[in-house]
Amino acid sequence: MAEDQLPETLKPFFHRATEAQDRLARLEAALASTKTDVPDAELVEKINQIQSKLEEANEKVKQEQDKVEKLTSENEKQKYRILHLVRALNDADEKLEKISK
């Protein structure tokens, strides 16, 4: 019902009721945003914690990959040395056999 169609005596009550409805709508909106802000803030905090842990884990993985790389390189060097030592040992054994005969 529009305010224009009301008798003069009811118009102040209509006006107060409209204002009350507006205030109630604003309060409900504020309450709704407050309720969603708290979980959102908690979610943001949890996301930040998870991101921090993920960054730490990524750093540890990178460190471990660096260690693996170094160990792999060292392993290849040792294999190369062993190969040459075995060849030298075989050559020495052959020379010793030739001398012994």
N, C-alpha and C. Protein backbone atom coordinates (compact mmCIF):
# COMPACT_ATOMS: atom_id res chain seq x y z
N MET A 1 0.86 -1.16 0.00
CA MET A 1 0.00 0.00 0.00
C MET A 1 0.91 1.23 0.00
N ALA A 2 0.61 2.18 -0.83
CA ALA A 2 1.42 3.39 -0.94
C ALA A 2 1.01 4.37 0.14
N GLU A 3 1.96 5.24 0.49
CA GLU A 3 1.73 6.23 1.54
C GLU A 3 0.65 7.23 1.12
N ASP A 4 0.54 7.47 -0.16
CA ASP A 4 -0.44 8.45 -0.66
C ASP A 4 -1.88 8.00 -0.40
N GLN A 5 -2.12 6.71 -0.33
CA GLN A 5 -3.47 6.20 -0.18
C GLN A 5 -3.90 6.09 1.28
N LEU A 6 -2.99 6.35 2.22
CA LEU A 6 -3.31 6.24 3.65
C LEU A 6 -3.95 7.53 4.16
N PRO A 7 -4.78 7.39 5.17
CA PRO A 7 -5.31 8.60 5.83
C PRO A 7 -4.16 9.33 6.53
N GLU A 8 -4.32 10.61 6.74
CA GLU A 8 -3.28 11.44 7.35
C GLU A 8 -2.86 10.92 8.72
N THR A 9 -3.75 10.37 9.45
CA THR A 9 -3.41 9.90 10.80
C THR A 9 -2.48 8.69 10.79
N LEU A 10 -2.53 7.90 9.70
CA LEU A 10 -1.70 6.70 9.63
C LEU A 10 -0.34 6.94 8.96
N LYS A 11 -0.20 8.07 8.26
CA LYS A 11 1.04 8.33 7.52
C LYS A 11 2.28 8.35 8.42
N PRO A 12 2.26 8.95 9.63
CA PRO A 12 3.47 8.90 10.47
C PRO A 12 3.83 7.47 10.88
N PHE A 13 2.81 6.65 11.11
CA PHE A 13 3.09 5.26 11.48
C PHE A 13 3.69 4.49 10.29
N PHE A 14 3.17 4.76 9.12
CA PHE A 14 3.69 4.13 7.91
C PHE A 14 5.16 4.53 7.70
N HIS A 15 5.41 5.81 7.88
CA HIS A 15 6.77 6.33 7.71
C HIS A 15 7.72 5.67 8.72
N ARG A 16 7.32 5.57 9.98
CA ARG A 16 8.15 4.93 11.00
C ARG A 16 8.37 3.45 10.71
N ALA A 17 7.33 2.78 10.22
CA ALA A 17 7.45 1.36 9.88
C ALA A 17 8.42 1.15 8.72
N THR A 18 8.36 2.04 7.74
CA THR A 18 9.27 1.97 6.59
C THR A 18 10.71 2.17 7.05
N GLU A 19 10.93 3.16 7.92
CA GLU A 19 12.27 3.40 8.45
C GLU A 19 12.76 2.20 9.25
N ALA A 20 11.85 1.62 10.03
CA ALA A 20 12.23 0.45 10.82
C ALA A 20 12.61 -0.73 9.92
N GLN A 21 11.87 -0.90 8.84
CA GLN A 21 12.20 -1.98 7.91
C GLN A 21 13.56 -1.73 7.26
N ASP A 22 13.83 -0.48 6.92
CA ASP A 22 15.13 -0.14 6.31
C ASP A 22 16.28 -0.43 7.29
N ARG A 23 16.08 0.01 8.56
CA ARG A 23 17.11 -0.25 9.56
C ARG A 23 17.31 -1.74 9.78
N LEU A 24 16.20 -2.47 9.83
CA LEU A 24 16.29 -3.92 10.01
C LEU A 24 17.05 -4.57 8.84
N ALA A 25 16.76 -4.12 7.63
CA ALA A 25 17.45 -4.66 6.46
C ALA A 25 18.95 -4.37 6.54
N ARG A 26 19.32 -3.15 6.97
CA ARG A 26 20.74 -2.80 7.10
C ARG A 26 21.41 -3.64 8.20
N LEU A 27 20.69 -3.82 9.31
CA LEU A 27 21.24 -4.64 10.40
C LEU A 27 21.43 -6.09 9.96
N GLU A 28 20.45 -6.61 9.25
CA GLU A 28 20.57 -7.99 8.75
C GLU A 28 21.75 -8.11 7.79
N ALA A 29 21.90 -7.12 6.93
CA ALA A 29 23.03 -7.14 5.99
C ALA A 29 24.35 -7.06 6.73
N ALA A 30 24.40 -6.18 7.75
CA ALA A 30 25.64 -6.06 8.54
C ALA A 30 25.93 -7.35 9.27
N LEU A 31 24.91 -7.95 9.84
CA LEU A 31 25.08 -9.21 10.55
C LEU A 31 25.54 -10.31 9.60
N ALA A 32 24.95 -10.35 8.42
CA ALA A 32 25.33 -11.36 7.44
C ALA A 32 26.78 -11.17 7.01
N SER A 33 27.20 -9.92 6.82
CA SER A 33 28.58 -9.69 6.40
C SER A 33 29.55 -9.99 7.53
N THR A 34 29.14 -9.74 8.77
CA THR A 34 29.99 -10.06 9.91
C THR A 34 30.16 -11.56 10.04
N LYS A 35 29.09 -12.29 9.85
CA LYS A 35 29.17 -13.75 9.95
C LYS A 35 30.06 -14.31 8.86
N THR A 36 29.98 -13.77 7.65
CA THR A 36 30.80 -14.29 6.57
C THR A 36 32.22 -13.77 6.65
N ASP A 37 32.44 -12.61 7.27
CA ASP A 37 33.80 -12.09 7.40
C ASP A 37 34.64 -12.95 8.32
N VAL A 38 34.05 -13.42 9.39
CA VAL A 38 34.81 -14.22 10.35
C VAL A 38 35.29 -15.52 9.70
N PRO A 39 34.42 -16.30 9.08
CA PRO A 39 34.93 -17.50 8.43
C PRO A 39 35.90 -17.17 7.30
N ASP A 40 35.63 -16.09 6.56
CA ASP A 40 36.55 -15.71 5.50
C ASP A 40 37.91 -15.37 6.08
N ALA A 41 37.93 -14.66 7.20
CA ALA A 41 39.20 -14.32 7.85
C ALA A 41 39.91 -15.59 8.32
N GLU A 42 39.14 -16.52 8.86
CA GLU A 42 39.73 -17.78 9.30
C GLU A 42 40.27 -18.56 8.10
N LEU A 43 39.50 -18.57 7.02
CA LEU A 43 39.95 -19.27 5.81
C LEU A 43 41.20 -18.63 5.26
N VAL A 44 41.25 -17.31 5.24
CA VAL A 44 42.43 -16.61 4.73
C VAL A 44 43.64 -16.97 5.59
N GLU A 45 43.46 -16.99 6.91
CA GLU A 45 44.56 -17.34 7.81
C GLU A 45 45.02 -18.78 7.56
N LYS A 46 44.06 -19.69 7.41
CA LYS A 46 44.42 -21.09 7.13
C LYS A 46 45.13 -21.22 5.79
N ILE A 47 44.64 -20.50 4.80
CA ILE A 47 45.28 -20.52 3.47
C ILE A 47 46.71 -20.00 3.58
N ASN A 48 46.90 -18.91 4.33
CA ASN A 48 48.25 -18.36 4.51
C ASN A 48 49.16 -19.37 5.20
N GLN A 49 48.63 -20.06 6.21
CA GLN A 49 49.42 -21.07 6.90
C GLN A 49 49.80 -22.21 5.96
N ILE A 50 48.83 -22.64 5.16
CA ILE A 50 49.09 -23.73 4.22
C ILE A 50 50.11 -23.29 3.18
N GLN A 51 49.98 -22.05 2.69
CA GLN A 51 50.94 -21.56 1.71
C GLN A 51 52.34 -21.49 2.31
N SER A 52 52.42 -21.06 3.55
CA SER A 52 53.72 -20.99 4.22
C SER A 52 54.34 -22.39 4.35
N LYS A 53 53.52 -23.35 4.76
CA LYS A 53 54.02 -24.72 4.88
C LYS A 53 54.42 -25.28 3.52
N LEU A 54 53.65 -24.93 2.49
CA LEU A 54 53.97 -25.39 1.15
C LEU A 54 55.29 -24.80 0.67
N GLU A 55 55.52 -23.53 0.96
CA GLU A 55 56.79 -22.90 0.58
C GLU A 55 57.95 -23.56 1.31
N GLU A 56 57.77 -23.86 2.60
CA GLU A 56 58.81 -24.56 3.36
C GLU A 56 59.08 -25.93 2.75
N ALA A 57 58.01 -26.64 2.42
CA ALA A 57 58.17 -27.98 1.83
C ALA A 57 58.87 -27.90 0.48
N ASN A 58 58.50 -26.90 -0.32
CA ASN A 58 59.15 -26.73 -1.62
C ASN A 58 60.64 -26.43 -1.46
N GLU A 59 60.98 -25.63 -0.46
CA GLU A 59 62.39 -25.33 -0.19
C GLU A 59 63.13 -26.59 0.22
N LYS A 60 62.52 -27.41 1.07
CA LYS A 60 63.16 -28.67 1.48
C LYS A 60 63.34 -29.60 0.28
N VAL A 61 62.33 -29.66 -0.57
CA VAL A 61 62.42 -30.50 -1.77
C VAL A 61 63.57 -30.02 -2.65
N LYS A 62 63.68 -28.71 -2.82
CA LYS A 62 64.76 -28.14 -3.64
C LYS A 62 66.12 -28.49 -3.03
N GLN A 63 66.23 -28.38 -1.71
CA GLN A 63 67.48 -28.74 -1.05
C GLN A 63 67.81 -30.22 -1.26
N GLU A 64 66.79 -31.06 -1.13
CA GLU A 64 67.00 -32.50 -1.34
C GLU A 64 67.38 -32.79 -2.78
N GLN A 65 66.77 -32.08 -3.73
CA GLN A 65 67.13 -32.28 -5.13
C GLN A 65 68.57 -31.87 -5.39
N ASP A 66 68.99 -30.78 -4.75
CA ASP A 66 70.38 -30.36 -4.88
C ASP A 66 71.33 -31.42 -4.32
N LYS A 67 70.96 -32.00 -3.16
CA LYS A 67 71.77 -33.06 -2.58
C LYS A 67 71.85 -34.26 -3.51
N VAL A 68 70.70 -34.63 -4.08
CA VAL A 68 70.65 -35.78 -5.01
C VAL A 68 71.55 -35.51 -6.21
N GLU A 69 71.48 -34.28 -6.72
CA GLU A 69 72.32 -33.91 -7.86
C GLU A 69 73.80 -34.05 -7.52
N LYS A 70 74.19 -33.54 -6.36
CA LYS A 70 75.59 -33.62 -5.94
C LYS A 70 76.01 -35.07 -5.74
N LEU A 71 75.15 -35.85 -5.10
CA LEU A 71 75.48 -37.25 -4.87
C LEU A 71 75.56 -38.04 -6.17
N THR A 72 74.69 -37.73 -7.11
CA THR A 72 74.73 -38.40 -8.40
C THR A 72 76.03 -38.08 -9.13
N SER A 73 76.41 -36.81 -9.08
CA SER A 73 77.67 -36.39 -9.71
C SER A 73 78.86 -37.09 -9.05
N GLU A 74 78.87 -37.12 -7.73
CA GLU A 74 79.96 -37.78 -7.01
C GLU A 74 79.98 -39.27 -7.32
N ASN A 75 78.80 -39.88 -7.43
CA ASN A 75 78.70 -41.30 -7.76
C ASN A 75 79.30 -41.57 -9.14
N GLU A 76 79.01 -40.72 -10.10
CA GLU A 76 79.55 -40.89 -11.45
C GLU A 76 81.08 -40.77 -11.44
N LYS A 77 81.59 -39.83 -10.66
CA LYS A 77 83.05 -39.68 -10.55
C LYS A 77 83.68 -40.94 -9.96
N GLN A 78 83.04 -41.48 -8.92
CA GLN A 78 83.57 -42.69 -8.28
C GLN A 78 83.53 -43.88 -9.24
N LYS A 79 82.46 -44.00 -10.01
CA LYS A 79 82.37 -45.08 -11.00
C LYS A 79 83.50 -44.97 -12.03
N TYR A 80 83.75 -43.75 -12.46
CA TYR A 80 84.81 -43.49 -13.43
C TYR A 80 86.17 -43.89 -12.85
N ARG A 81 86.42 -43.52 -11.59
CA ARG A 81 87.68 -43.87 -10.94
C ARG A 81 87.82 -45.38 -10.79
N ILE A 82 86.73 -46.03 -10.38
CA ILE A 82 86.75 -47.49 -10.21
C ILE A 82 87.06 -48.17 -11.54
N LEU A 83 86.42 -47.69 -12.60
CA LEU A 83 86.65 -48.27 -13.93
C LEU A 83 88.13 -48.20 -14.29
N HIS A 84 88.75 -47.06 -14.07
CA HIS A 84 90.17 -46.90 -14.40
C HIS A 84 91.07 -47.71 -13.47
N LEU A 85 90.68 -47.80 -12.20
CA LEU A 85 91.48 -48.62 -11.28
C LEU A 85 91.41 -50.10 -11.65
N VAL A 86 90.23 -50.56 -12.05
CA VAL A 86 90.08 -51.96 -12.47
C VAL A 86 90.91 -52.21 -13.73
N ARG A 87 90.89 -51.30 -14.68
CA ARG A 87 91.71 -51.45 -15.90
C ARG A 87 93.20 -51.48 -15.55
N ALA A 88 93.60 -50.58 -14.67
CA ALA A 88 95.00 -50.54 -14.27
C ALA A 88 95.39 -51.83 -13.56
N LEU A 89 94.51 -52.36 -12.71
CA LEU A 89 94.77 -53.61 -12.02
C LEU A 89 94.88 -54.76 -13.01
N ASN A 90 93.98 -54.80 -13.99
CA ASN A 90 94.03 -55.86 -15.01
C ASN A 90 95.33 -55.75 -15.82
N ASP A 91 95.70 -54.55 -16.19
CA ASP A 91 96.96 -54.36 -16.93
C ASP A 91 98.15 -54.83 -16.09
N ALA A 92 98.14 -54.50 -14.81
CA ALA A 92 99.24 -54.92 -13.93
C ALA A 92 99.28 -56.43 -13.81
N ASP A 93 98.10 -57.06 -13.68
CA ASP A 93 98.05 -58.53 -13.61
C ASP A 93 98.60 -59.16 -14.88
N GLU A 94 98.24 -58.60 -16.05
CA GLU A 94 98.74 -59.13 -17.32
C GLU A 94 100.26 -59.01 -17.40
N LYS A 95 100.79 -57.86 -17.00
CA LYS A 95 102.24 -57.65 -17.03
C LYS A 95 102.93 -58.62 -16.08
N LEU A 96 102.33 -58.85 -14.91
CA LEU A 96 102.89 -59.77 -13.95
C LEU A 96 102.91 -61.19 -14.48
N GLU A 97 101.83 -61.58 -15.19
CA GLU A 97 101.78 -62.91 -15.79
C GLU A 97 102.85 -63.08 -16.86
N LYS A 98 103.05 -62.05 -17.65
CA LYS A 98 104.05 -62.11 -18.72
C LYS A 98 105.44 -62.24 -18.12
N ILE A 99 105.68 -61.56 -17.04
CA ILE A 99 106.99 -61.61 -16.39
C ILE A 99 107.20 -62.99 -15.75
N SER A 100 106.14 -63.53 -15.19
CA SER A 100 106.22 -64.81 -14.49
C SER A 100 106.45 -65.97 -15.45
N LYS A 101 106.07 -65.84 -16.68
CA LYS A 101 106.18 -66.96 -17.65
C LYS A 101 107.54 -67.08 -18.15
